Amino acid sequence: MILVSVSAIFAGGDKESSNSENNAVNSWILAESDDSILPGINPLEVKGTISAAGSSTVFPLSERMIERFKNEGYSDNITLDSIGSGAGFERWAVQAESDISNASRPIKDKEIAAARGNGREPIEFRLGTDALAVVINPANDFVTNVTLEELALIFSTAKKWSEVNSTWPNEDIKRYIPGTDSGTFDYFVEEVFGKDKEPMLSAANTQLSEDDNILVRGVEGDKYAIGFFGYAYYAENSDKLNVLSIEGVEPGSATVDNATYPLARPVFMYSSANIMQEKPQVAAFIAYYLTYVNEEIRDVGYFPAGKADLDKAKMNWIKAMEGKL
């Protein structure tokens, strides 16, 4: 029934003239599917460009899914920009330029209002779970675990490590943190500082960047440096960095799954029904992404969403295509 209803919705054709012939009768919808909820997708038959922008945390996962989509036959162009969750919502909701907004935080009320002003009703698709990794230089031999209280001092008023713990060196703390457009920044502020970002922004020796690779290089290059970003970037650079335990709990599959690691958060993509219906290639890519994300997610450095959350994302796709969202 799902395949019939979705095919019927698409049968009117793509409203975007450049794709109307390419996606005629939506030949990319397969009669059989690897998923119990979503229709099967044949990337070889998907035509038309797709644009996605947003979270640097979600970037490696989306990059992997795009690579797989192309390897299985999609031959047009997908642009993927890592600009931070806030900037991603600005491009998608306010400027109405991108098709998909990647995010490491839920969309805010003001962003929803902006999207609606552009005729876009945001639809949330849960992709998985990310553990925020707090990292240090491998030469740092004095700290392996911090409490949330110590973490707040390290990233705010403490100028030297010894001000946090008297047994630690009397050396300046060098901080490398995501920029203020980042959902990772917002999440850290909320969890560690109770939503007050000023203590962190006022801290000495702090470098901000939306590019997590710059943060990696900063911590890698200084024994007394510390930083934080999505776990995937730590996993990719675990030979260059050490990760700290928080409240005695190290980030990893088991501690994220059992919800004992204090700094774990969901990651998302957003689009809208009108985008998905007017540009079937966007709908096809999102369906493909949700169908196969759990086959790739751990290898990239993230953790699967619970079945109920992923099924809800898939049903959001179905409802969007049926005009129910």
C-alpha atoms as a PDB file:
ATOM      1  CA  MET A   1       0.000   0.000   0.000  1.00  0.00           C
ATOM      2  CA  ILE A   2       2.869   2.363   0.748  1.00  0.00           C
ATOM      3  CA  LEU A   3       4.452   1.787  -2.659  1.00  0.00           C
ATOM      4  CA  VAL A   4       1.136   2.388  -4.403  1.00  0.00           C
ATOM      5  CA  SER A   5       0.367   5.594  -2.528  1.00  0.00           C
ATOM      6  CA  VAL A   6       3.864   7.037  -2.934  1.00  0.00           C
ATOM      7  CA  SER A   7       3.959   6.179  -6.636  1.00  0.00           C
ATOM      8  CA  ALA A   8       0.568   7.823  -7.096  1.00  0.00           C
ATOM      9  CA  ILE A   9       1.768  11.011  -5.433  1.00  0.00           C
ATOM     10  CA  PHE A  10       4.769  11.204  -7.750  1.00  0.00           C
ATOM     11  CA  ALA A  11       2.792  10.315 -10.846  1.00  0.00           C
ATOM     12  CA  GLY A  12       1.973  13.972 -11.411  1.00  0.00           C
ATOM     13  CA  GLY A  13       5.618  14.497 -12.235  1.00  0.00           C
ATOM     14  CA  ASP A  14       8.293  16.814 -10.943  1.00  0.00           C
ATOM     15  CA  LYS A  15       7.201  20.444 -10.835  1.00  0.00           C
ATOM     16  CA  GLU A  16      10.750  21.485 -11.537  1.00  0.00           C
ATOM     17  CA  SER A  17      10.868  21.622 -15.345  1.00  0.00           C
ATOM     18  CA  SER A  18      14.502  20.582 -15.599  1.00  0.00           C
ATOM     19  CA  ASN A  19      13.662  17.263 -13.975  1.00  0.00           C
ATOM     20  CA  SER A  20      10.179  16.536 -15.319  1.00  0.00           C
ATOM     21  CA  GLU A  21      11.354  14.169 -18.036  1.00  0.00           C
ATOM     22  CA  ASN A  22      14.196  12.613 -16.084  1.00  0.00           C
ATOM     23  CA  ASN A  23      11.971  11.589 -13.187  1.00  0.00           C
ATOM     24  CA  ALA A  24       8.964  10.658 -15.316  1.00  0.00           C
ATOM     25  CA  VAL A  25       6.788   8.106 -13.554  1.00  0.00           C
ATOM     26  CA  ASN A  26       9.580   8.012 -10.954  1.00  0.00           C
ATOM     27  CA  SER A  27      11.265   4.921 -12.251  1.00  0.00           C
ATOM     28  CA  TRP A  28      13.602   5.050  -9.243  1.00  0.00           C
ATOM     29  CA  ILE A  29      10.860   3.541  -7.040  1.00  0.00           C
ATOM     30  CA  LEU A  30      11.429  -0.213  -6.901  1.00  0.00           C
ATOM     31  CA  ALA A  31       8.756  -2.853  -6.506  1.00  0.00           C
ATOM     32  CA  GLU A  32      10.792  -4.469  -3.728  1.00  0.00           C
ATOM     33  CA  SER A  33      12.474  -2.778  -0.794  1.00  0.00           C
ATOM     34  CA  ASP A  34      15.184  -3.552   1.753  1.00  0.00           C
ATOM     35  CA  ASP A  35      13.089  -1.644   4.280  1.00  0.00           C
ATOM     36  CA  SER A  36       9.767  -2.582   5.870  1.00  0.00           C
ATOM     37  CA  ILE A  37       8.472   1.013   5.780  1.00  0.00           C
ATOM     38  CA  LEU A  38      10.095   2.881   2.896  1.00  0.00           C
ATOM     39  CA  PRO A  39       9.933   2.081  -0.821  1.00  0.00           C
ATOM     40  CA  GLY A  40      12.986   0.661  -2.528  1.00  0.00           C
ATOM     41  CA  ILE A  41      15.206   3.218  -4.266  1.00  0.00           C
ATOM     42  CA  ASN A  42      17.244   2.710  -7.446  1.00  0.00           C
ATOM     43  CA  PRO A  43      19.918   5.465  -7.442  1.00  0.00           C
ATOM     44  CA  LEU A  44      20.696   4.757 -11.102  1.00  0.00           C
ATOM     45  CA  GLU A  45      17.284   6.177 -12.038  1.00  0.00           C
ATOM     46  CA  VAL A  46      17.391   9.256  -9.786  1.00  0.00           C
ATOM     47  CA  LYS A  47      17.937  12.463 -11.768  1.00  0.00           C
ATOM     48  CA  GLY A  48      18.330  16.086 -10.701  1.00  0.00           C
ATOM     49  CA  THR A  49      20.586  18.039  -8.354  1.00  0.00           C
ATOM     50  CA  ILE A  50      20.386  18.026  -4.553  1.00  0.00           C
ATOM     51  CA  SER A  51      21.802  20.559  -2.087  1.00  0.00           C
ATOM     52  CA  ALA A  52      22.471  19.967   1.608  1.00  0.00           C
ATOM     53  CA  ALA A  53      24.196  22.186   4.160  1.00  0.00           C
ATOM     54  CA  GLY A  54      24.589  22.490   7.898  1.00  0.00           C
ATOM     55  CA  SER A  55      26.174  20.649  10.798  1.00  0.00           C
ATOM     56  CA  SER A  56      29.859  19.784  10.664  1.00  0.00           C
ATOM     57  CA  THR A  57      29.018  16.902  12.986  1.00  0.00           C
ATOM     58  CA  VAL A  58      26.566  15.359  10.508  1.00  0.00           C
ATOM     59  CA  PHE A  59      28.906  16.071   7.574  1.00  0.00           C
ATOM     60  CA  PRO A  60      30.975  12.821   7.696  1.00  0.00           C
ATOM     61  CA  LEU A  61      27.829  10.674   7.868  1.00  0.00           C
ATOM     62  CA  SER A  62      26.153  12.493   4.981  1.00  0.00           C
ATOM     63  CA  GLU A  63      29.392  12.362   3.029  1.00  0.00           C
ATOM     64  CA  ARG A  64      29.425   8.580   3.452  1.00  0.00           C
ATOM     65  CA  MET A  65      25.779   8.224   2.409  1.00  0.00           C
ATOM     66  CA  ILE A  66      26.333  10.406  -0.665  1.00  0.00           C
ATOM     67  CA  GLU A  67      29.343   8.317  -1.638  1.00  0.00           C
ATOM     68  CA  ARG A  68      27.242   5.152  -1.375  1.00  0.00           C
ATOM     69  CA  PHE A  69      24.358   6.750  -3.308  1.00  0.00           C
ATOM     70  CA  LYS A  70      26.744   7.652  -6.124  1.00  0.00           C
ATOM     71  CA  ASN A  71      28.478   4.286  -6.081  1.00  0.00           C
ATOM     72  CA  GLU A  72      25.100   2.647  -6.630  1.00  0.00           C
ATOM     73  CA  GLY A  73      24.365   4.754  -9.688  1.00  0.00           C
ATOM     74  CA  TYR A  74      23.304   8.342  -8.934  1.00  0.00           C
ATOM     75  CA  SER A  75      25.137  10.433 -11.515  1.00  0.00           C
ATOM     76  CA  ASP A  76      23.940  13.992 -10.908  1.00  0.00           C
ATOM     77  CA  ASN A  77      25.340  16.444  -8.383  1.00  0.00           C
ATOM     78  CA  ILE A  78      24.848  16.643  -4.627  1.00  0.00           C
ATOM     79  CA  THR A  79      26.426  19.619  -2.895  1.00  0.00           C
ATOM     80  CA  LEU A  80      27.210  19.134   0.799  1.00  0.00           C
ATOM     81  CA  ASP A  81      28.467  22.137   2.778  1.00  0.00           C
ATOM     82  CA  SER A  82      29.779  21.942   6.345  1.00  0.00           C
ATOM     83  CA  ILE A  83      28.821  25.357   7.755  1.00  0.00           C
ATOM     84  CA  GLY A  84      27.324  24.606  11.178  1.00  0.00           C
ATOM     85  CA  SER A  85      23.743  23.854  12.198  1.00  0.00           C
ATOM     86  CA  GLY A  86      22.781  27.510  12.639  1.00  0.00           C
ATOM     87  CA  ALA A  87      24.155  28.539   9.260  1.00  0.00           C
ATOM     88  CA  GLY A  88      22.521  25.492   7.719  1.00  0.00           C
ATOM     89  CA  PHE A  89      19.120  26.536   9.038  1.00  0.00           C
ATOM     90  CA  GLU A  90      19.810  30.090   7.850  1.00  0.00           C
ATOM     91  CA  ARG A  91      20.398  28.799   4.325  1.00  0.00           C
ATOM     92  CA  TRP A  92      17.442  26.387   4.385  1.00  0.00           C
ATOM     93  CA  ALA A  93      14.809  28.227   6.441  1.00  0.00           C
ATOM     94  CA  VAL A  94      15.613  31.920   6.002  1.00  0.00           C
ATOM     95  CA  GLN A  95      17.190  32.070   2.534  1.00  0.00           C
ATOM     96  CA  ALA A  96      15.243  29.040   1.222  1.00  0.00           C
ATOM     97  CA  GLU A  97      18.246  28.026  -0.885  1.00  0.00           C
ATOM     98  CA  SER A  98      19.125  24.446   0.144  1.00  0.00           C
ATOM     99  CA  ASP A  99      17.007  21.300  -0.082  1.00  0.00           C
ATOM    100  CA  ILE A 100      18.222  19.653   3.123  1.00  0.00           C
ATOM    101  CA  SER A 101      19.474  21.092   6.408  1.00  0.00           C
ATOM    102  CA  ASN A 102      21.792  18.877   8.462  1.00  0.00           C
ATOM    103  CA  ALA A 103      21.691  19.576  12.187  1.00  0.00           C
ATOM    104  CA  SER A 104      23.184  18.432  15.469  1.00  0.00           C
ATOM    105  CA  ARG A 105      20.358  20.135  17.361  1.00  0.00           C
ATOM    106  CA  PRO A 106      16.595  20.441  16.869  1.00  0.00           C
ATOM    107  CA  ILE A 107      15.336  23.347  14.802  1.00  0.00           C
ATOM    108  CA  LYS A 108      14.476  26.452  16.857  1.00  0.00           C
ATOM    109  CA  ASP A 109      11.100  28.210  16.941  1.00  0.00           C
ATOM    110  CA  LYS A 110      12.438  31.276  15.115  1.00  0.00           C
ATOM    111  CA  GLU A 111      13.852  29.032  12.389  1.00  0.00           C
ATOM    112  CA  ILE A 112      10.522  27.231  12.048  1.00  0.00           C
ATOM    113  CA  ALA A 113       8.806  30.602  11.665  1.00  0.00           C
ATOM    114  CA  ALA A 114      11.314  31.685   9.017  1.00  0.00           C
ATOM    115  CA  ALA A 115      10.831  28.439   7.098  1.00  0.00           C
ATOM    116  CA  ARG A 116       7.051  28.785   7.188  1.00  0.00           C
ATOM    117  CA  GLY A 117       7.443  32.312   5.880  1.00  0.00           C
ATOM    118  CA  ASN A 118       9.075  30.753   2.826  1.00  0.00           C
ATOM    119  CA  GLY A 119       6.380  28.120   2.442  1.00  0.00           C
ATOM    120  CA  ARG A 120       8.481  25.364   4.017  1.00  0.00           C
ATOM    121  CA  GLU A 121       7.021  23.307   6.853  1.00  0.00           C
ATOM    122  CA  PRO A 122      10.050  21.669   8.527  1.00  0.00           C
ATOM    123  CA  ILE A 123      10.052  17.880   8.693  1.00  0.00           C
ATOM    124  CA  GLU A 124      12.543  16.250  11.055  1.00  0.00           C
ATOM    125  CA  PHE A 125      14.387  13.051  10.191  1.00  0.00           C
ATOM    126  CA  ARG A 126      16.358  11.476  13.046  1.00  0.00           C
ATOM    127  CA  LEU A 127      19.585   9.975  11.700  1.00  0.00           C
ATOM    128  CA  GLY A 128      21.349   8.650  14.774  1.00  0.00           C
ATOM    129  CA  THR A 129      23.167   9.667  17.935  1.00  0.00           C
ATOM    130  CA  ASP A 130      26.469  11.459  18.357  1.00  0.00           C
ATOM    131  CA  ALA A 131      28.651  11.497  21.447  1.00  0.00           C
ATOM    132  CA  LEU A 132      30.439  14.776  21.949  1.00  0.00           C
ATOM    133  CA  ALA A 133      34.126  13.994  22.455  1.00  0.00           C
ATOM    134  CA  VAL A 134      36.322  16.121  24.731  1.00  0.00           C
ATOM    135  CA  VAL A 135      39.882  15.635  23.500  1.00  0.00           C
ATOM    136  CA  ILE A 136      43.422  16.381  24.626  1.00  0.00           C
ATOM    137  CA  ASN A 137      46.919  16.111  23.218  1.00  0.00           C
ATOM    138  CA  PRO A 138      48.450  12.603  23.569  1.00  0.00           C
ATOM    139  CA  ALA A 139      51.391  14.153  25.468  1.00  0.00           C
ATOM    140  CA  ASN A 140      48.988  15.253  28.206  1.00  0.00           C
ATOM    141  CA  ASP A 141      49.719  12.744  30.980  1.00  0.00           C
ATOM    142  CA  PHE A 142      47.890  14.400  33.867  1.00  0.00           C
ATOM    143  CA  VAL A 143      44.178  14.162  33.003  1.00  0.00           C
ATOM    144  CA  THR A 144      42.092  11.238  31.797  1.00  0.00           C
ATOM    145  CA  ASN A 145      38.734  12.060  33.379  1.00  0.00           C
ATOM    146  CA  VAL A 146      36.883  15.249  34.295  1.00  0.00           C
ATOM    147  CA  THR A 147      33.637  16.013  36.060  1.00  0.00           C
ATOM    148  CA  LEU A 148      31.069  18.331  34.480  1.00  0.00           C
ATOM    149  CA  GLU A 149      32.028  20.916  37.115  1.00  0.00           C
ATOM    150  CA  GLU A 150      35.701  20.684  36.137  1.00  0.00           C
ATOM    151  CA  LEU A 151      34.725  20.833  32.472  1.00  0.00           C
ATOM    152  CA  ALA A 152      32.919  24.122  33.109  1.00  0.00           C
ATOM    153  CA  LEU A 153      36.032  25.580  34.760  1.00  0.00           C
ATOM    154  CA  ILE A 154      38.342  24.338  32.000  1.00  0.00           C
ATOM    155  CA  PHE A 155      36.287  26.077  29.327  1.00  0.00           C
ATOM    156  CA  SER A 156      35.602  29.329  31.211  1.00  0.00           C
ATOM    157  CA  THR A 157      37.286  31.062  34.144  1.00  0.00           C
ATOM    158  CA  ALA A 158      40.320  28.849  34.756  1.00  0.00           C
ATOM    159  CA  LYS A 159      43.383  30.240  33.023  1.00  0.00           C
ATOM    160  CA  LYS A 160      45.741  27.472  34.055  1.00  0.00           C
ATOM    161  CA  TRP A 161      45.272  23.735  34.513  1.00  0.00           C
ATOM    162  CA  SER A 162      46.338  24.041  38.161  1.00  0.00           C
ATOM    163  CA  GLU A 163      43.332  26.288  38.841  1.00  0.00           C
ATOM    164  CA  VAL A 164      41.056  23.344  38.074  1.00  0.00           C
ATOM    165  CA  ASN A 165      43.058  20.740  40.017  1.00  0.00           C
ATOM    166  CA  SER A 166      46.070  21.618  42.169  1.00  0.00           C
ATOM    167  CA  THR A 167      47.904  18.460  41.055  1.00  0.00           C
ATOM    168  CA  TRP A 168      47.779  19.545  37.414  1.00  0.00           C
ATOM    169  CA  PRO A 169      50.520  21.714  35.800  1.00  0.00           C
ATOM    170  CA  ASN A 170      50.712  25.455  36.257  1.00  0.00           C
ATOM    171  CA  GLU A 171      50.366  25.876  32.478  1.00  0.00           C
ATOM    172  CA  ASP A 172      47.933  27.888  30.377  1.00  0.00           C
ATOM    173  CA  ILE A 173      44.867  26.054  29.097  1.00  0.00           C
ATOM    174  CA  LYS A 174      44.599  26.359  25.307  1.00  0.00           C
ATOM    175  CA  ARG A 175      40.985  25.899  24.199  1.00  0.00           C
ATOM    176  CA  TYR A 176      39.714  24.895  20.756  1.00  0.00           C
ATOM    177  CA  ILE A 177      35.949  24.975  20.397  1.00  0.00           C
ATOM    178  CA  PRO A 178      33.317  24.942  17.635  1.00  0.00           C
ATOM    179  CA  GLY A 179      32.014  28.282  16.401  1.00  0.00           C
ATOM    180  CA  THR A 180      28.777  29.792  17.638  1.00  0.00           C
ATOM    181  CA  ASP A 181      26.891  28.677  14.510  1.00  0.00           C
ATOM    182  CA  SER A 182      27.570  25.088  15.459  1.00  0.00           C
ATOM    183  CA  GLY A 183      24.945  22.861  17.039  1.00  0.00           C
ATOM    184  CA  THR A 184      27.833  21.283  18.959  1.00  0.00           C
ATOM    185  CA  PHE A 185      28.569  24.664  20.546  1.00  0.00           C
ATOM    186  CA  ASP A 186      24.905  25.088  21.485  1.00  0.00           C
ATOM    187  CA  TYR A 187      24.707  21.602  22.953  1.00  0.00           C
ATOM    188  CA  PHE A 188      27.865  22.021  25.041  1.00  0.00           C
ATOM    189  CA  VAL A 189      26.645  25.374  26.372  1.00  0.00           C
ATOM    190  CA  GLU A 190      23.290  23.877  27.315  1.00  0.00           C
ATOM    191  CA  GLU A 191      24.716  20.796  29.040  1.00  0.00           C
ATOM    192  CA  VAL A 192      27.740  22.342  30.753  1.00  0.00           C
ATOM    193  CA  PHE A 193      26.794  25.992  31.275  1.00  0.00           C
ATOM    194  CA  GLY A 194      23.014  25.881  31.586  1.00  0.00           C
ATOM    195  CA  LYS A 195      22.548  27.737  28.265  1.00  0.00           C
ATOM    196  CA  ASP A 196      24.793  30.689  29.299  1.00  0.00           C
ATOM    197  CA  LYS A 197      27.435  30.969  26.578  1.00  0.00           C
ATOM    198  CA  GLU A 198      29.219  34.058  27.925  1.00  0.00           C
ATOM    199  CA  PRO A 199      31.630  32.262  30.314  1.00  0.00           C
ATOM    200  CA  MET A 200      32.968  30.161  27.452  1.00  0.00           C
ATOM    201  CA  LEU A 201      33.136  33.029  24.963  1.00  0.00           C
ATOM    202  CA  SER A 202      34.976  35.175  27.535  1.00  0.00           C
ATOM    203  CA  ALA A 203      37.629  32.557  28.295  1.00  0.00           C
ATOM    204  CA  ALA A 204      41.249  33.360  27.468  1.00  0.00           C
ATOM    205  CA  ASN A 205      43.238  31.389  24.897  1.00  0.00           C
ATOM    206  CA  THR A 206      40.136  30.240  23.063  1.00  0.00           C
ATOM    207  CA  GLN A 207      39.993  29.634  19.326  1.00  0.00           C
ATOM    208  CA  LEU A 208      36.632  29.084  17.667  1.00  0.00           C
ATOM    209  CA  SER A 209      36.105  27.464  14.293  1.00  0.00           C
ATOM    210  CA  GLU A 210      33.249  25.932  12.319  1.00  0.00           C
ATOM    211  CA  ASP A 211      35.852  23.611  10.765  1.00  0.00           C
ATOM    212  CA  ASP A 212      36.420  20.667  13.107  1.00  0.00           C
ATOM    213  CA  ASN A 213      39.646  19.810  11.295  1.00  0.00           C
ATOM    214  CA  ILE A 214      41.106  23.116  12.512  1.00  0.00           C
ATOM    215  CA  LEU A 215      40.172  22.147  16.073  1.00  0.00           C
ATOM    216  CA  VAL A 216      41.834  18.754  15.620  1.00  0.00           C
ATOM    217  CA  ARG A 217      45.054  20.379  14.419  1.00  0.00           C
ATOM    218  CA  GLY A 218      44.992  22.870  17.280  1.00  0.00           C
ATOM    219  CA  VAL A 219      44.779  20.215  19.984  1.00  0.00           C
ATOM    220  CA  GLU A 220      47.215  17.967  18.154  1.00  0.00           C
ATOM    221  CA  GLY A 221      49.793  20.729  18.161  1.00  0.00           C
ATOM    222  CA  ASP A 222      49.855  21.713  21.854  1.00  0.00           C
ATOM    223  CA  LYS A 223      50.415  19.539  24.932  1.00  0.00           C
ATOM    224  CA  TYR A 224      48.231  21.786  27.063  1.00  0.00           C
ATOM    225  CA  ALA A 225      45.371  22.132  24.594  1.00  0.00           C
ATOM    226  CA  ILE A 226      41.839  20.802  24.953  1.00  0.00           C
ATOM    227  CA  GLY A 227      38.864  20.851  22.612  1.00  0.00           C
ATOM    228  CA  PHE A 228      35.561  19.212  21.798  1.00  0.00           C
ATOM    229  CA  PHE A 229      33.587  18.155  18.723  1.00  0.00           C
ATOM    230  CA  GLY A 230      31.523  15.259  17.408  1.00  0.00           C
ATOM    231  CA  TYR A 231      32.789  11.765  18.181  1.00  0.00           C
ATOM    232  CA  ALA A 232      33.256  10.965  14.492  1.00  0.00           C
ATOM    233  CA  TYR A 233      36.104  13.474  14.264  1.00  0.00           C
ATOM    234  CA  TYR A 234      37.787  11.899  17.266  1.00  0.00           C
ATOM    235  CA  ALA A 235      37.343   8.427  15.741  1.00  0.00           C
ATOM    236  CA  GLU A 236      38.914   9.669  12.513  1.00  0.00           C
ATOM    237  CA  ASN A 237      41.862  11.174  14.428  1.00  0.00           C
ATOM    238  CA  SER A 238      42.240   8.770  17.367  1.00  0.00           C
ATOM    239  CA  ASP A 239      45.912   8.273  16.458  1.00  0.00           C
ATOM    240  CA  LYS A 240      46.507  11.994  17.046  1.00  0.00           C
ATOM    241  CA  LEU A 241      44.292  12.704  20.067  1.00  0.00           C
ATOM    242  CA  ASN A 242      43.156  11.215  23.363  1.00  0.00           C
ATOM    243  CA  VAL A 243      39.535  11.344  24.501  1.00  0.00           C
ATOM    244  CA  LEU A 244      38.537  12.137  28.086  1.00  0.00           C
ATOM    245  CA  SER A 245      36.023  10.294  30.203  1.00  0.00           C
ATOM    246  CA  ILE A 246      33.283  12.497  31.634  1.00  0.00           C
ATOM    247  CA  GLU A 247      32.119  11.711  35.166  1.00  0.00           C
ATOM    248  CA  GLY A 248      34.066   8.466  34.893  1.00  0.00           C
ATOM    249  CA  VAL A 249      32.339   7.363  31.681  1.00  0.00           C
ATOM    250  CA  GLU A 250      34.207   7.062  28.379  1.00  0.00           C
ATOM    251  CA  PRO A 251      32.261   7.732  25.165  1.00  0.00           C
ATOM    252  CA  GLY A 252      31.584   4.652  23.099  1.00  0.00           C
ATOM    253  CA  SER A 253      28.924   2.384  21.713  1.00  0.00           C
ATOM    254  CA  ALA A 254      27.980   0.762  25.023  1.00  0.00           C
ATOM    255  CA  THR A 255      27.823   3.988  27.043  1.00  0.00           C
ATOM    256  CA  VAL A 256      25.816   5.796  24.384  1.00  0.00           C
ATOM    257  CA  ASP A 257      23.412   2.879  23.994  1.00  0.00           C
ATOM    258  CA  ASN A 258      22.786   2.643  27.730  1.00  0.00           C
ATOM    259  CA  ALA A 259      22.612   6.452  28.126  1.00  0.00           C
ATOM    260  CA  THR A 260      25.377   6.637  30.761  1.00  0.00           C
ATOM    261  CA  TYR A 261      27.692   8.938  28.801  1.00  0.00           C
ATOM    262  CA  PRO A 262      26.681  12.497  29.782  1.00  0.00           C
ATOM    263  CA  LEU A 263      27.370  14.212  26.444  1.00  0.00           C
ATOM    264  CA  ALA A 264      25.385  12.293  23.825  1.00  0.00           C
ATOM    265  CA  ARG A 265      22.831  13.955  21.557  1.00  0.00           C
ATOM    266  CA  PRO A 266      20.665  13.140  18.518  1.00  0.00           C
ATOM    267  CA  VAL A 267      21.540  14.275  14.989  1.00  0.00           C
ATOM    268  CA  PHE A 268      19.050  15.128  12.251  1.00  0.00           C
ATOM    269  CA  MET A 269      18.328  16.242   8.734  1.00  0.00           C
ATOM    270  CA  TYR A 270      15.405  18.505   7.823  1.00  0.00           C
ATOM    271  CA  SER A 271      13.453  19.083   4.646  1.00  0.00           C
ATOM    272  CA  SER A 272       9.827  19.810   3.742  1.00  0.00           C
ATOM    273  CA  ALA A 273       7.022  18.043   1.907  1.00  0.00           C
ATOM    274  CA  ASN A 274       6.857  20.619  -0.860  1.00  0.00           C
ATOM    275  CA  ILE A 275      10.593  20.305  -1.566  1.00  0.00           C
ATOM    276  CA  MET A 276      10.360  16.511  -1.584  1.00  0.00           C
ATOM    277  CA  GLN A 277       7.327  16.498  -3.883  1.00  0.00           C
ATOM    278  CA  GLU A 278       8.612  19.182  -6.265  1.00  0.00           C
ATOM    279  CA  LYS A 279      12.097  17.639  -6.370  1.00  0.00           C
ATOM    280  CA  PRO A 280      11.648  13.859  -6.217  1.00  0.00           C
ATOM    281  CA  GLN A 281      15.401  13.380  -6.250  1.00  0.00           C
ATOM    282  CA  VAL A 282      15.486  14.893  -2.747  1.00  0.00           C
ATOM    283  CA  ALA A 283      12.796  12.493  -1.558  1.00  0.00           C
ATOM    284  CA  ALA A 284      14.682   9.595  -3.129  1.00  0.00           C
ATOM    285  CA  PHE A 285      17.938  10.513  -1.414  1.00  0.00           C
ATOM    286  CA  ILE A 286      16.316  10.943   2.006  1.00  0.00           C
ATOM    287  CA  ALA A 287      14.540   7.579   1.675  1.00  0.00           C
ATOM    288  CA  TYR A 288      17.804   5.929   0.600  1.00  0.00           C
ATOM    289  CA  TYR A 289      19.663   7.585   3.505  1.00  0.00           C
ATOM    290  CA  LEU A 290      17.143   6.383   6.106  1.00  0.00           C
ATOM    291  CA  THR A 291      17.048   2.881   4.632  1.00  0.00           C
ATOM    292  CA  TYR A 292      20.793   2.275   4.799  1.00  0.00           C
ATOM    293  CA  VAL A 293      22.093   4.657   7.476  1.00  0.00           C
ATOM    294  CA  ASN A 294      22.476   1.916  10.088  1.00  0.00           C
ATOM    295  CA  GLU A 295      24.740  -0.052   7.741  1.00  0.00           C
ATOM    296  CA  GLU A 296      27.223   2.842   7.704  1.00  0.00           C
ATOM    297  CA  ILE A 297      26.756   4.805  10.903  1.00  0.00           C
ATOM    298  CA  ARG A 298      29.061   2.945  13.315  1.00  0.00           C
ATOM    299  CA  ASP A 299      31.898   2.797  10.789  1.00  0.00           C
ATOM    300  CA  VAL A 300      31.769   6.585  10.452  1.00  0.00           C
ATOM    301  CA  GLY A 301      31.885   7.066  14.232  1.00  0.00           C
ATOM    302  CA  TYR A 302      28.265   7.588  15.242  1.00  0.00           C
ATOM    303  CA  PHE A 303      25.707   5.415  16.962  1.00  0.00           C
ATOM    304  CA  PRO A 304      22.359   4.166  15.634  1.00  0.00           C
ATOM    305  CA  ALA A 305      19.134   5.815  16.715  1.00  0.00           C
ATOM    306  CA  GLY A 306      16.650   3.649  18.574  1.00  0.00           C
ATOM    307  CA  LYS A 307      14.319   1.685  16.323  1.00  0.00           C
ATOM    308  CA  ALA A 308      11.302   3.753  17.351  1.00  0.00           C
ATOM    309  CA  ASP A 309      13.095   7.016  16.477  1.00  0.00           C
ATOM    310  CA  LEU A 310      14.306   5.764  13.099  1.00  0.00           C
ATOM    311  CA  ASP A 311      10.886   4.297  12.278  1.00  0.00           C
ATOM    312  CA  LYS A 312       9.318   7.658  13.137  1.00  0.00           C
ATOM    313  CA  ALA A 313      11.703   9.360  10.692  1.00  0.00           C
ATOM    314  CA  LYS A 314      10.702   6.878   8.005  1.00  0.00           C
ATOM    315  CA  MET A 315       7.008   7.426   8.700  1.00  0.00           C
ATOM    316  CA  ASN A 316       7.632  11.187   8.472  1.00  0.00           C
ATOM    317  CA  TRP A 317       8.869  10.526   4.932  1.00  0.00           C
ATOM    318  CA  ILE A 318       5.718   8.544   4.088  1.00  0.00           C
ATOM    319  CA  LYS A 319       3.432  11.197   5.585  1.00  0.00           C
ATOM    320  CA  ALA A 320       5.270  13.962   3.727  1.00  0.00           C
ATOM    321  CA  MET A 321       4.771  12.208   0.426  1.00  0.00           C
ATOM    322  CA  GLU A 322       1.107  11.576   1.224  1.00  0.00           C
ATOM    323  CA  GLY A 323       0.613  15.260   2.050  1.00  0.00           C
ATOM    324  CA  LYS A 324      -0.036  14.595   5.735  1.00  0.00           C
ATOM    325  CA  LEU A 325       2.791  16.775   7.073  1.00  0.00           C
END
